[in-house]
Amino acid sequence: MSKTDGRRQRAARNREAVVAALLEIIKEQDGGPIPGAAEVAARAGVSERTVFRHFADLESLFLAGAAHQRPVVVPFLLARPDDKELGKRIAALARLRAKLWEEVGPVRRVAMRGIAIDPSLGRTLTEINKMSREQLSEVFAPEFGRAGRDKSLLLDELDVVAGFSTWETLRRQLGHSNERARRTVVSLLTAILSPYSTRRKSR
């Protein structure tokens, strides 16, 4: 291995270590303030100079951290529970969302605060929201087929109930356990979808 290749590999390892350190701290703080460069550098075992050699500023570092979360998020949103029974599809979807929001919650909280600083974060969240709505449309396709002109309204209702903001309210503001929050989501989804389980109903 040449010296150049060795330097490139060390640089790549250092960059990954910095991003990993950022995400570790954010998760430990449960989505608290964005860590400073000194804290990230100390956790990664590198100098602050190394941090800024790879990232122009902390916003750039956080964008890299958000990008690292994408492989975590995508599998949850690509899943398509397809049981014939509505109740089983609702339960499966609620389990997926509960696991997803618990996993990415801390980073999501920081990202939502950072949108005002860097619009790129908004584009990332928009992509995730689009995938979320596509999942709901496909998992509950039979019910959407019976919704007629109410399809758009039905999708908005499902999106709100199964989205991160509702989960955040249940878990952090109301202080419910994961199980209680999940059961609440199931109950709300059931109430919304049941009118379309066997026949179209005007709203």
N, C-alpha and C. Protein backbone atom coordinates (compact mmCIF):
# COMPACT_ATOMS: atom_id res chain seq x y z
N MET A 1 0.84 -1.20 0.00
CA MET A 1 0.00 0.00 0.00
C MET A 1 0.87 1.24 0.00
N SER A 2 0.58 2.21 -0.87
CA SER A 2 1.35 3.44 -0.96
C SER A 2 1.02 4.36 0.21
N LYS A 3 1.91 5.33 0.44
CA LYS A 3 1.66 6.30 1.51
C LYS A 3 0.39 7.10 1.23
N THR A 4 0.17 7.39 -0.06
CA THR A 4 -1.03 8.15 -0.43
C THR A 4 -2.29 7.37 -0.09
N ASP A 5 -2.29 6.07 -0.43
CA ASP A 5 -3.46 5.24 -0.11
C ASP A 5 -3.67 5.16 1.39
N GLY A 6 -2.58 5.05 2.13
CA GLY A 6 -2.68 4.97 3.58
C GLY A 6 -3.27 6.24 4.17
N ARG A 7 -2.85 7.38 3.65
CA ARG A 7 -3.39 8.65 4.14
C ARG A 7 -4.88 8.77 3.82
N ARG A 8 -5.26 8.32 2.64
CA ARG A 8 -6.67 8.38 2.26
C ARG A 8 -7.52 7.50 3.16
N GLN A 9 -7.02 6.34 3.48
CA GLN A 9 -7.78 5.44 4.36
C GLN A 9 -7.90 6.02 5.76
N ARG A 10 -6.82 6.61 6.26
CA ARG A 10 -6.88 7.23 7.59
C ARG A 10 -7.86 8.41 7.58
N ALA A 11 -7.83 9.17 6.50
CA ALA A 11 -8.75 10.31 6.40
C ALA A 11 -10.20 9.83 6.39
N ALA A 12 -10.46 8.75 5.64
CA ALA A 12 -11.82 8.20 5.57
C ALA A 12 -12.26 7.69 6.93
N ARG A 13 -11.34 7.00 7.63
CA ARG A 13 -11.67 6.49 8.97
C ARG A 13 -11.96 7.64 9.93
N ASN A 14 -11.15 8.69 9.85
CA ASN A 14 -11.36 9.83 10.74
C ASN A 14 -12.70 10.50 10.47
N ARG A 15 -13.04 10.64 9.18
CA ARG A 15 -14.31 11.26 8.83
C ARG A 15 -15.48 10.45 9.37
N GLU A 16 -15.42 9.14 9.19
CA GLU A 16 -16.48 8.27 9.70
C GLU A 16 -16.55 8.33 11.22
N ALA A 17 -15.39 8.41 11.86
CA ALA A 17 -15.36 8.47 13.32
C ALA A 17 -16.00 9.75 13.83
N VAL A 18 -15.79 10.84 13.12
CA VAL A 18 -16.38 12.12 13.51
C VAL A 18 -17.90 12.08 13.39
N VAL A 19 -18.39 11.55 12.26
CA VAL A 19 -19.85 11.46 12.07
C VAL A 19 -20.46 10.52 13.11
N ALA A 20 -19.81 9.38 13.35
CA ALA A 20 -20.32 8.43 14.34
C ALA A 20 -20.35 9.06 15.73
N ALA A 21 -19.33 9.84 16.06
CA ALA A 21 -19.27 10.49 17.36
C ALA A 21 -20.42 11.48 17.51
N LEU A 22 -20.69 12.25 16.46
CA LEU A 22 -21.80 13.20 16.49
C LEU A 22 -23.12 12.48 16.78
N LEU A 23 -23.39 11.40 16.05
CA LEU A 23 -24.65 10.68 16.23
C LEU A 23 -24.74 10.04 17.61
N GLU A 24 -23.64 9.52 18.12
CA GLU A 24 -23.63 8.93 19.46
C GLU A 24 -24.02 9.96 20.51
N ILE A 25 -23.42 11.14 20.40
CA ILE A 25 -23.70 12.19 21.40
C ILE A 25 -25.15 12.64 21.31
N ILE A 26 -25.64 12.84 20.09
CA ILE A 26 -27.04 13.27 19.91
C ILE A 26 -27.99 12.26 20.52
N LYS A 27 -27.73 10.97 20.29
CA LYS A 27 -28.60 9.93 20.83
C LYS A 27 -28.51 9.88 22.35
N GLU A 28 -27.30 10.04 22.89
CA GLU A 28 -27.15 10.04 24.34
C GLU A 28 -27.89 11.20 24.98
N GLN A 29 -27.90 12.34 24.29
CA GLN A 29 -28.58 13.53 24.82
C GLN A 29 -30.06 13.56 24.43
N ASP A 30 -30.49 12.51 23.73
CA ASP A 30 -31.89 12.36 23.33
C ASP A 30 -32.38 13.55 22.52
N GLY A 31 -31.52 14.00 21.59
CA GLY A 31 -31.93 15.10 20.73
C GLY A 31 -31.76 16.47 21.34
N GLY A 32 -30.83 16.60 22.28
CA GLY A 32 -30.57 17.90 22.89
C GLY A 32 -29.82 18.81 21.93
N PRO A 33 -29.11 19.79 22.46
CA PRO A 33 -28.39 20.74 21.60
C PRO A 33 -27.36 20.02 20.71
N ILE A 34 -27.12 20.59 19.54
CA ILE A 34 -26.10 20.02 18.66
C ILE A 34 -24.75 20.13 19.37
N PRO A 35 -24.01 19.03 19.47
CA PRO A 35 -22.72 19.07 20.18
C PRO A 35 -21.74 20.02 19.50
N GLY A 36 -20.84 20.59 20.29
CA GLY A 36 -19.82 21.45 19.74
C GLY A 36 -18.69 20.64 19.12
N ALA A 37 -17.84 21.30 18.36
CA ALA A 37 -16.75 20.62 17.67
C ALA A 37 -15.80 19.95 18.66
N ALA A 38 -15.54 20.62 19.78
CA ALA A 38 -14.61 20.06 20.76
C ALA A 38 -15.14 18.75 21.33
N GLU A 39 -16.42 18.71 21.62
CA GLU A 39 -17.04 17.50 22.18
C GLU A 39 -17.01 16.36 21.18
N VAL A 40 -17.32 16.68 19.93
CA VAL A 40 -17.31 15.66 18.89
C VAL A 40 -15.89 15.14 18.67
N ALA A 41 -14.93 16.05 18.62
CA ALA A 41 -13.54 15.66 18.40
C ALA A 41 -13.04 14.74 19.52
N ALA A 42 -13.37 15.10 20.75
CA ALA A 42 -12.93 14.29 21.88
C ALA A 42 -13.53 12.89 21.81
N ARG A 43 -14.81 12.79 21.46
CA ARG A 43 -15.45 11.48 21.36
C ARG A 43 -14.85 10.66 20.21
N ALA A 44 -14.53 11.32 19.12
CA ALA A 44 -13.99 10.61 17.95
C ALA A 44 -12.51 10.28 18.10
N GLY A 45 -11.85 10.91 19.07
CA GLY A 45 -10.42 10.67 19.26
C GLY A 45 -9.56 11.38 18.24
N VAL A 46 -10.05 12.54 17.78
CA VAL A 46 -9.28 13.34 16.82
C VAL A 46 -9.23 14.78 17.33
N SER A 47 -8.50 15.63 16.63
CA SER A 47 -8.42 17.03 17.00
C SER A 47 -9.56 17.82 16.38
N GLU A 48 -9.83 19.00 16.94
CA GLU A 48 -10.83 19.87 16.33
C GLU A 48 -10.42 20.23 14.91
N ARG A 49 -9.14 20.39 14.70
CA ARG A 49 -8.65 20.72 13.36
C ARG A 49 -9.05 19.64 12.37
N THR A 50 -8.99 18.39 12.82
CA THR A 50 -9.38 17.28 11.94
C THR A 50 -10.87 17.35 11.61
N VAL A 51 -11.68 17.72 12.58
CA VAL A 51 -13.11 17.86 12.33
C VAL A 51 -13.36 18.85 11.20
N PHE A 52 -12.71 20.01 11.29
CA PHE A 52 -12.96 21.05 10.30
C PHE A 52 -12.16 20.84 9.01
N ARG A 53 -11.26 19.88 9.03
CA ARG A 53 -10.61 19.51 7.78
C ARG A 53 -11.60 18.75 6.88
N HIS A 54 -12.50 18.00 7.53
CA HIS A 54 -13.48 17.21 6.78
C HIS A 54 -14.80 17.94 6.58
N PHE A 55 -15.12 18.87 7.47
CA PHE A 55 -16.40 19.56 7.40
C PHE A 55 -16.19 21.06 7.55
N ALA A 56 -16.80 21.82 6.65
CA ALA A 56 -16.61 23.28 6.65
C ALA A 56 -17.14 23.92 7.93
N ASP A 57 -18.22 23.35 8.47
CA ASP A 57 -18.82 23.89 9.68
C ASP A 57 -19.66 22.79 10.33
N LEU A 58 -20.26 23.10 11.46
CA LEU A 58 -21.06 22.10 12.17
C LEU A 58 -22.32 21.73 11.40
N GLU A 59 -22.85 22.67 10.61
CA GLU A 59 -24.03 22.36 9.81
C GLU A 59 -23.70 21.27 8.78
N SER A 60 -22.53 21.38 8.16
CA SER A 60 -22.11 20.37 7.18
C SER A 60 -21.93 19.02 7.86
N LEU A 61 -21.39 19.05 9.05
CA LEU A 61 -21.22 17.80 9.81
C LEU A 61 -22.57 17.17 10.11
N PHE A 62 -23.52 18.00 10.51
CA PHE A 62 -24.83 17.43 10.84
C PHE A 62 -25.51 16.88 9.60
N LEU A 63 -25.35 17.53 8.47
CA LEU A 63 -25.92 17.01 7.23
C LEU A 63 -25.36 15.62 6.93
N ALA A 64 -24.07 15.45 7.17
CA ALA A 64 -23.46 14.13 6.97
C ALA A 64 -24.06 13.12 7.94
N GLY A 65 -24.31 13.56 9.18
CA GLY A 65 -24.93 12.67 10.15
C GLY A 65 -26.33 12.28 9.74
N ALA A 66 -27.09 13.25 9.22
CA ALA A 66 -28.45 12.96 8.75
C ALA A 66 -28.42 11.97 7.60
N ALA A 67 -27.43 12.12 6.71
CA ALA A 67 -27.30 11.20 5.58
C ALA A 67 -27.03 9.78 6.05
N HIS A 68 -26.28 9.66 7.16
CA HIS A 68 -25.99 8.33 7.71
C HIS A 68 -27.24 7.66 8.27
N GLN A 69 -28.25 8.45 8.56
CA GLN A 69 -29.49 7.89 9.10
C GLN A 69 -30.38 7.31 8.02
N ARG A 70 -30.16 7.74 6.77
CA ARG A 70 -31.04 7.30 5.69
C ARG A 70 -31.12 5.77 5.58
N PRO A 71 -29.99 5.04 5.62
CA PRO A 71 -30.08 3.57 5.54
C PRO A 71 -30.86 2.96 6.69
N VAL A 72 -30.95 3.68 7.81
CA VAL A 72 -31.74 3.20 8.95
C VAL A 72 -33.23 3.40 8.67
N VAL A 73 -33.56 4.56 8.10
CA VAL A 73 -34.96 4.93 7.89
C VAL A 73 -35.61 4.14 6.76
N VAL A 74 -34.90 4.03 5.64
CA VAL A 74 -35.50 3.49 4.41
C VAL A 74 -36.12 2.11 4.57
N PRO A 75 -35.45 1.13 5.20
CA PRO A 75 -36.07 -0.20 5.31
C PRO A 75 -37.42 -0.18 6.02
N PHE A 76 -37.57 0.69 7.02
CA PHE A 76 -38.85 0.78 7.72
C PHE A 76 -39.94 1.30 6.79
N LEU A 77 -39.60 2.24 5.93
CA LEU A 77 -40.60 2.87 5.06
C LEU A 77 -40.83 2.11 3.77
N LEU A 78 -39.95 1.18 3.45
CA LEU A 78 -40.15 0.36 2.26
C LEU A 78 -40.97 -0.90 2.55
N ALA A 79 -41.11 -1.22 3.84
CA ALA A 79 -41.89 -2.41 4.21
C ALA A 79 -43.35 -2.21 3.82
N ARG A 80 -43.97 -3.30 3.37
CA ARG A 80 -45.36 -3.24 2.93
C ARG A 80 -46.17 -4.39 3.53
N PRO A 81 -46.61 -4.27 4.78
CA PRO A 81 -47.49 -5.31 5.34
C PRO A 81 -48.70 -5.49 4.43
N ASP A 82 -48.99 -6.75 4.06
CA ASP A 82 -50.05 -6.96 3.06
C ASP A 82 -51.09 -7.99 3.48
N ASP A 83 -51.27 -8.18 4.78
CA ASP A 83 -52.28 -9.11 5.25
C ASP A 83 -53.66 -8.68 4.77
N LYS A 84 -54.51 -9.62 4.47
CA LYS A 84 -55.85 -9.30 4.01
C LYS A 84 -56.67 -8.59 5.08
N GLU A 85 -56.40 -8.90 6.34
CA GLU A 85 -57.17 -8.30 7.43
C GLU A 85 -56.64 -6.90 7.75
N LEU A 86 -57.53 -5.95 7.76
CA LEU A 86 -57.15 -4.57 8.04
C LEU A 86 -56.47 -4.45 9.40
N GLY A 87 -57.03 -5.10 10.41
CA GLY A 87 -56.46 -4.99 11.75
C GLY A 87 -55.01 -5.43 11.83
N LYS A 88 -54.67 -6.47 11.09
CA LYS A 88 -53.29 -6.97 11.11
C LYS A 88 -52.36 -6.01 10.38
N ARG A 89 -52.85 -5.39 9.32
CA ARG A 89 -52.02 -4.41 8.61
C ARG A 89 -51.79 -3.17 9.49
N ILE A 90 -52.84 -2.76 10.18
CA ILE A 90 -52.69 -1.61 11.08
C ILE A 90 -51.67 -1.92 12.17
N ALA A 91 -51.78 -3.09 12.77
CA ALA A 91 -50.85 -3.46 13.85
C ALA A 91 -49.42 -3.51 13.34
N ALA A 92 -49.23 -4.07 12.16
CA ALA A 92 -47.89 -4.18 11.60
C ALA A 92 -47.31 -2.81 11.28
N LEU A 93 -48.12 -1.94 10.72
CA LEU A 93 -47.67 -0.59 10.39
C LEU A 93 -47.31 0.18 11.65
N ALA A 94 -48.11 0.04 12.68
CA ALA A 94 -47.85 0.73 13.95
C ALA A 94 -46.55 0.24 14.58
N ARG A 95 -46.27 -1.06 14.48
CA ARG A 95 -45.00 -1.58 15.02
C ARG A 95 -43.81 -1.01 14.26
N LEU A 96 -43.93 -0.94 12.95
CA LEU A 96 -42.85 -0.38 12.13
C LEU A 96 -42.58 1.07 12.51
N ARG A 97 -43.65 1.84 12.61
CA ARG A 97 -43.47 3.26 12.92
C ARG A 97 -42.93 3.46 14.33
N ALA A 98 -43.38 2.66 15.28
CA ALA A 98 -42.88 2.79 16.65
C ALA A 98 -41.37 2.54 16.69
N LYS A 99 -40.93 1.49 16.01
CA LYS A 99 -39.49 1.18 15.98
C LYS A 99 -38.70 2.28 15.27
N LEU A 100 -39.26 2.77 14.17
CA LEU A 100 -38.59 3.81 13.40
C LEU A 100 -38.43 5.09 14.21
N TRP A 101 -39.52 5.58 14.78
CA TRP A 101 -39.45 6.86 15.48
C TRP A 101 -38.61 6.77 16.75
N GLU A 102 -38.59 5.62 17.40
CA GLU A 102 -37.72 5.47 18.56
C GLU A 102 -36.25 5.49 18.14
N GLU A 103 -35.97 4.87 17.00
CA GLU A 103 -34.58 4.78 16.52
C GLU A 103 -34.04 6.13 16.08
N VAL A 104 -34.82 6.87 15.33
CA VAL A 104 -34.30 8.11 14.74
C VAL A 104 -34.77 9.37 15.48
N GLY A 105 -35.54 9.21 16.54
CA GLY A 105 -36.10 10.35 17.25
C GLY A 105 -35.10 11.43 17.62
N PRO A 106 -34.01 11.10 18.29
CA PRO A 106 -33.06 12.14 18.70
C PRO A 106 -32.51 12.95 17.52
N VAL A 107 -32.12 12.28 16.46
CA VAL A 107 -31.59 12.98 15.29
C VAL A 107 -32.69 13.80 14.62
N ARG A 108 -33.89 13.26 14.57
CA ARG A 108 -35.01 13.97 13.96
C ARG A 108 -35.29 15.26 14.72
N ARG A 109 -35.23 15.23 16.05
CA ARG A 109 -35.49 16.43 16.83
C ARG A 109 -34.49 17.53 16.50
N VAL A 110 -33.23 17.15 16.41
CA VAL A 110 -32.20 18.13 16.08
C VAL A 110 -32.39 18.64 14.66
N ALA A 111 -32.74 17.73 13.75
CA ALA A 111 -32.92 18.11 12.34
C ALA A 111 -34.04 19.14 12.20
N MET A 112 -35.13 18.93 12.91
CA MET A 112 -36.26 19.84 12.80
C MET A 112 -35.91 21.24 13.32
N ARG A 113 -35.03 21.30 14.32
CA ARG A 113 -34.59 22.61 14.79
C ARG A 113 -33.61 23.24 13.82
N GLY A 114 -32.89 22.40 13.07
CA GLY A 114 -31.85 22.91 12.20
C GLY A 114 -32.32 23.35 10.83
N ILE A 115 -33.59 23.11 10.51
CA ILE A 115 -34.10 23.48 9.18
C ILE A 115 -33.94 24.97 8.92
N ALA A 116 -34.16 25.79 9.95
CA ALA A 116 -34.03 27.24 9.78
C ALA A 116 -32.60 27.64 9.45
N ILE A 117 -31.63 26.83 9.88
CA ILE A 117 -30.22 27.13 9.64
C ILE A 117 -29.78 26.64 8.27
N ASP A 118 -30.23 25.44 7.91
CA ASP A 118 -29.81 24.85 6.64
C ASP A 118 -31.00 24.22 5.94
N PRO A 119 -31.48 24.82 4.86
CA PRO A 119 -32.65 24.30 4.13
C PRO A 119 -32.45 22.88 3.62
N SER A 120 -31.21 22.42 3.48
CA SER A 120 -30.95 21.07 2.99
C SER A 120 -31.59 20.03 3.90
N LEU A 121 -31.65 20.34 5.18
CA LEU A 121 -32.29 19.43 6.11
C LEU A 121 -33.77 19.30 5.80
N GLY A 122 -34.38 20.40 5.37
CA GLY A 122 -35.78 20.37 5.00
C GLY A 122 -36.02 19.45 3.82
N ARG A 123 -35.12 19.45 2.86
CA ARG A 123 -35.26 18.58 1.70
C ARG A 123 -35.15 17.12 2.10
N THR A 124 -34.27 16.84 3.06
CA THR A 124 -34.12 15.47 3.54
C THR A 124 -35.40 15.00 4.22
N LEU A 125 -35.97 15.84 5.07
CA LEU A 125 -37.21 15.48 5.76
C LEU A 125 -38.37 15.36 4.78
N THR A 126 -38.38 16.19 3.75
CA THR A 126 -39.43 16.11 2.73
C THR A 126 -39.39 14.77 2.01
N GLU A 127 -38.19 14.30 1.72
CA GLU A 127 -38.04 12.99 1.07
C GLU A 127 -38.59 11.88 1.95
N ILE A 128 -38.27 11.94 3.24
CA ILE A 128 -38.75 10.92 4.17
C ILE A 128 -40.27 10.98 4.29
N ASN A 129 -40.82 12.19 4.35
CA ASN A 129 -42.27 12.34 4.45
C ASN A 129 -42.97 11.78 3.21
N LYS A 130 -42.37 11.98 2.05
CA LYS A 130 -42.94 11.44 0.81
C LYS A 130 -42.97 9.92 0.85
N MET A 131 -41.88 9.31 1.31
CA MET A 131 -41.83 7.86 1.42
C MET A 131 -42.86 7.36 2.42
N SER A 132 -43.05 8.11 3.49
CA SER A 132 -44.02 7.74 4.51
C SER A 132 -45.43 7.70 3.94
N ARG A 133 -45.79 8.70 3.16
CA ARG A 133 -47.12 8.76 2.57
C ARG A 133 -47.32 7.66 1.52
N GLU A 134 -46.25 7.37 0.77
CA GLU A 134 -46.34 6.29 -0.22
C GLU A 134 -46.58 4.95 0.48
N GLN A 135 -45.92 4.74 1.60
CA GLN A 135 -46.12 3.50 2.35
C GLN A 135 -47.57 3.37 2.80
N LEU A 136 -48.11 4.44 3.36
CA LEU A 136 -49.49 4.42 3.83
C LEU A 136 -50.46 4.15 2.68
N SER A 137 -50.22 4.78 1.54
CA SER A 137 -51.10 4.59 0.38
C SER A 137 -51.12 3.15 -0.09
N GLU A 138 -49.96 2.50 -0.04
CA GLU A 138 -49.87 1.14 -0.55
C GLU A 138 -50.33 0.10 0.47
N VAL A 139 -49.97 0.30 1.73
CA VAL A 139 -50.39 -0.66 2.77
C VAL A 139 -51.91 -0.68 2.90
N PHE A 140 -52.52 0.49 2.77
CA PHE A 140 -53.98 0.57 2.93
C PHE A 140 -54.66 0.84 1.59
N ALA A 141 -54.09 0.30 0.53
CA ALA A 141 -54.65 0.47 -0.81
C ALA A 141 -56.11 0.01 -0.91
N PRO A 142 -56.51 -1.13 -0.31
CA PRO A 142 -57.92 -1.55 -0.41
C PRO A 142 -58.88 -0.50 0.17
N GLU A 143 -58.46 0.11 1.27
CA GLU A 143 -59.32 1.11 1.91
C GLU A 143 -59.35 2.40 1.07
N PHE A 144 -58.21 2.76 0.51
CA PHE A 144 -58.19 3.94 -0.37
C PHE A 144 -59.08 3.70 -1.59
N GLY A 145 -59.13 2.46 -2.04
CA GLY A 145 -59.97 2.14 -3.18
C GLY A 145 -61.45 2.36 -2.91
N ARG A 146 -61.83 2.32 -1.64
CA ARG A 146 -63.23 2.53 -1.26
C ARG A 146 -63.50 3.96 -0.80
N ALA A 147 -62.45 4.77 -0.75
CA ALA A 147 -62.60 6.11 -0.19
C ALA A 147 -63.15 7.13 -1.17
N GLY A 148 -63.12 6.79 -2.46
CA GLY A 148 -63.66 7.71 -3.45
C GLY A 148 -63.00 9.07 -3.40
N ARG A 149 -63.80 10.12 -3.33
CA ARG A 149 -63.27 11.48 -3.32
C ARG A 149 -62.57 11.84 -2.02
N ASP A 150 -62.65 10.95 -1.03
CA ASP A 150 -62.03 11.22 0.28
C ASP A 150 -60.58 10.75 0.35
N LYS A 151 -60.03 10.28 -0.75
CA LYS A 151 -58.68 9.70 -0.70
C LYS A 151 -57.65 10.67 -0.13
N SER A 152 -57.66 11.89 -0.61
CA SER A 152 -56.67 12.87 -0.17
C SER A 152 -56.81 13.16 1.32
N LEU A 153 -58.04 13.34 1.77
CA LEU A 153 -58.29 13.59 3.19
C LEU A 153 -57.88 12.38 4.03
N LEU A 154 -58.19 11.19 3.55
CA LEU A 154 -57.83 9.98 4.28
C LEU A 154 -56.32 9.86 4.43
N LEU A 155 -55.58 10.16 3.37
CA LEU A 155 -54.13 10.08 3.44
C LEU A 155 -53.57 11.09 4.43
N ASP A 156 -54.11 12.30 4.43
CA ASP A 156 -53.66 13.31 5.40
C ASP A 156 -53.90 12.84 6.83
N GLU A 157 -55.06 12.27 7.08
CA GLU A 157 -55.37 11.79 8.43
C GLU A 157 -54.41 10.70 8.87
N LEU A 158 -54.17 9.75 7.99
CA LEU A 158 -53.25 8.65 8.32
C LEU A 158 -51.84 9.17 8.53
N ASP A 159 -51.43 10.11 7.70
CA ASP A 159 -50.09 10.66 7.79
C ASP A 159 -49.86 11.35 9.12
N VAL A 160 -50.85 12.08 9.58
CA VAL A 160 -50.74 12.77 10.87
C VAL A 160 -50.63 11.76 12.01
N VAL A 161 -51.51 10.77 12.00
CA VAL A 161 -51.56 9.81 13.11
C VAL A 161 -50.30 8.95 13.17
N ALA A 162 -49.80 8.53 12.00
CA ALA A 162 -48.64 7.63 11.97
C ALA A 162 -47.32 8.37 11.90
N GLY A 163 -47.37 9.70 11.90
CA GLY A 163 -46.16 10.50 11.75
C GLY A 163 -45.38 10.72 13.03
N PHE A 164 -44.21 11.31 12.86
CA PHE A 164 -43.31 11.53 13.99
C PHE A 164 -43.89 12.49 15.02
N SER A 165 -44.57 13.54 14.58
CA SER A 165 -45.09 14.53 15.52
C SER A 165 -46.07 13.92 16.51
N THR A 166 -46.93 13.03 16.03
CA THR A 166 -47.88 12.37 16.93
C THR A 166 -47.15 11.47 17.90
N TRP A 167 -46.16 10.73 17.39
CA TRP A 167 -45.37 9.86 18.26
C TRP A 167 -44.65 10.69 19.32
N GLU A 168 -44.12 11.84 18.92
CA GLU A 168 -43.41 12.72 19.84
C GLU A 168 -44.36 13.23 20.93
N THR A 169 -45.58 13.56 20.55
CA THR A 169 -46.55 14.02 21.53
C THR A 169 -46.88 12.92 22.54
N LEU A 170 -47.11 11.74 22.04
CA LEU A 170 -47.48 10.62 22.92
C LEU A 170 -46.34 10.25 23.86
N ARG A 171 -45.13 10.21 23.35
CA ARG A 171 -44.00 9.73 24.15
C ARG A 171 -43.41 10.79 25.06
N ARG A 172 -43.22 12.00 24.54
CA ARG A 172 -42.50 13.01 25.30
C ARG A 172 -43.41 13.99 26.03
N GLN A 173 -44.46 14.43 25.37
CA GLN A 173 -45.35 15.41 26.02
C GLN A 173 -46.32 14.74 26.99
N LEU A 174 -46.88 13.62 26.58
CA LEU A 174 -47.82 12.91 27.46
C LEU A 174 -47.13 11.88 28.34
N GLY A 175 -45.90 11.54 28.01
CA GLY A 175 -45.12 10.62 28.84
C GLY A 175 -45.55 9.17 28.79
N HIS A 176 -46.19 8.76 27.69
CA HIS A 176 -46.65 7.38 27.58
C HIS A 176 -45.49 6.44 27.27
N SER A 177 -45.66 5.20 27.67
CA SER A 177 -44.67 4.18 27.34
C SER A 177 -44.74 3.88 25.85
N ASN A 178 -43.74 3.20 25.35
CA ASN A 178 -43.73 2.81 23.95
C ASN A 178 -44.98 2.00 23.62
N GLU A 179 -45.32 1.05 24.49
CA GLU A 179 -46.47 0.18 24.26
C GLU A 179 -47.77 0.97 24.27
N ARG A 180 -47.91 1.88 25.23
CA ARG A 180 -49.14 2.69 25.31
C ARG A 180 -49.26 3.59 24.07
N ALA A 181 -48.16 4.18 23.67
CA ALA A 181 -48.18 5.05 22.49
C ALA A 181 -48.55 4.25 21.24
N ARG A 182 -47.98 3.06 21.11
CA ARG A 182 -48.27 2.24 19.93
C ARG A 182 -49.74 1.84 19.91
N ARG A 183 -50.29 1.47 21.06
CA ARG A 183 -51.70 1.09 21.11
C ARG A 183 -52.61 2.27 20.77
N THR A 184 -52.19 3.46 21.16
CA THR A 184 -52.97 4.65 20.83
C THR A 184 -52.98 4.88 19.31
N VAL A 185 -51.82 4.71 18.68
CA VAL A 185 -51.73 4.86 17.23
C VAL A 185 -52.61 3.83 16.53
N VAL A 186 -52.58 2.60 17.03
CA VAL A 186 -53.43 1.55 16.46
C VAL A 186 -54.90 1.93 16.57
N SER A 187 -55.29 2.42 17.73
CA SER A 187 -56.68 2.80 17.96
C SER A 187 -57.12 3.92 17.01
N LEU A 188 -56.27 4.91 16.83
CA LEU A 188 -56.60 6.03 15.95
C LEU A 188 -56.66 5.59 14.49
N LEU A 189 -55.70 4.79 14.08
CA LEU A 189 -55.71 4.30 12.70
C LEU A 189 -56.96 3.45 12.43
N THR A 190 -57.32 2.64 13.41
CA THR A 190 -58.50 1.79 13.27
C THR A 190 -59.76 2.64 13.12
N ALA A 191 -59.86 3.69 13.93
CA ALA A 191 -61.04 4.55 13.86
C ALA A 191 -61.14 5.24 12.49
N ILE A 192 -60.00 5.63 11.95
CA ILE A 192 -60.00 6.32 10.66
C ILE A 192 -60.30 5.37 9.51
N LEU A 193 -59.74 4.17 9.55
CA LEU A 193 -59.82 3.25 8.42
C LEU A 193 -61.06 2.34 8.44
N SER A 194 -61.60 2.08 9.60
CA SER A 194 -62.72 1.14 9.69
C SER A 194 -63.89 1.46 8.77
N PRO A 195 -64.27 2.74 8.60
CA PRO A 195 -65.40 3.03 7.70
C PRO A 195 -65.15 2.58 6.27
N TYR A 196 -63.88 2.36 5.91
CA TYR A 196 -63.56 1.97 4.54
C TYR A 196 -63.16 0.50 4.44
N SER A 197 -63.37 -0.24 5.49
CA SER A 197 -62.91 -1.63 5.49
C SER A 197 -63.76 -2.55 4.62
N THR A 198 -65.06 -2.21 4.47
CA THR A 198 -65.94 -3.08 3.68
C THR A 198 -66.74 -2.33 2.64
N ARG A 199 -66.89 -1.02 2.81
CA ARG A 199 -67.71 -0.28 1.86
C ARG A 199 -67.33 1.19 1.89
N ARG A 200 -67.66 1.88 0.87
CA ARG A 200 -67.41 3.30 0.82
C ARG A 200 -68.42 4.02 1.70
N LYS A 201 -67.93 5.04 2.37
CA LYS A 201 -68.82 5.82 3.24
C LYS A 201 -68.57 7.29 3.02
N SER A 202 -69.63 8.05 2.80
CA SER A 202 -69.49 9.48 2.58
C SER A 202 -69.05 10.15 3.87
N ARG A 203 -68.23 11.21 3.73
CA ARG A 203 -67.73 11.92 4.91
C ARG A 203 -68.13 13.38 4.85
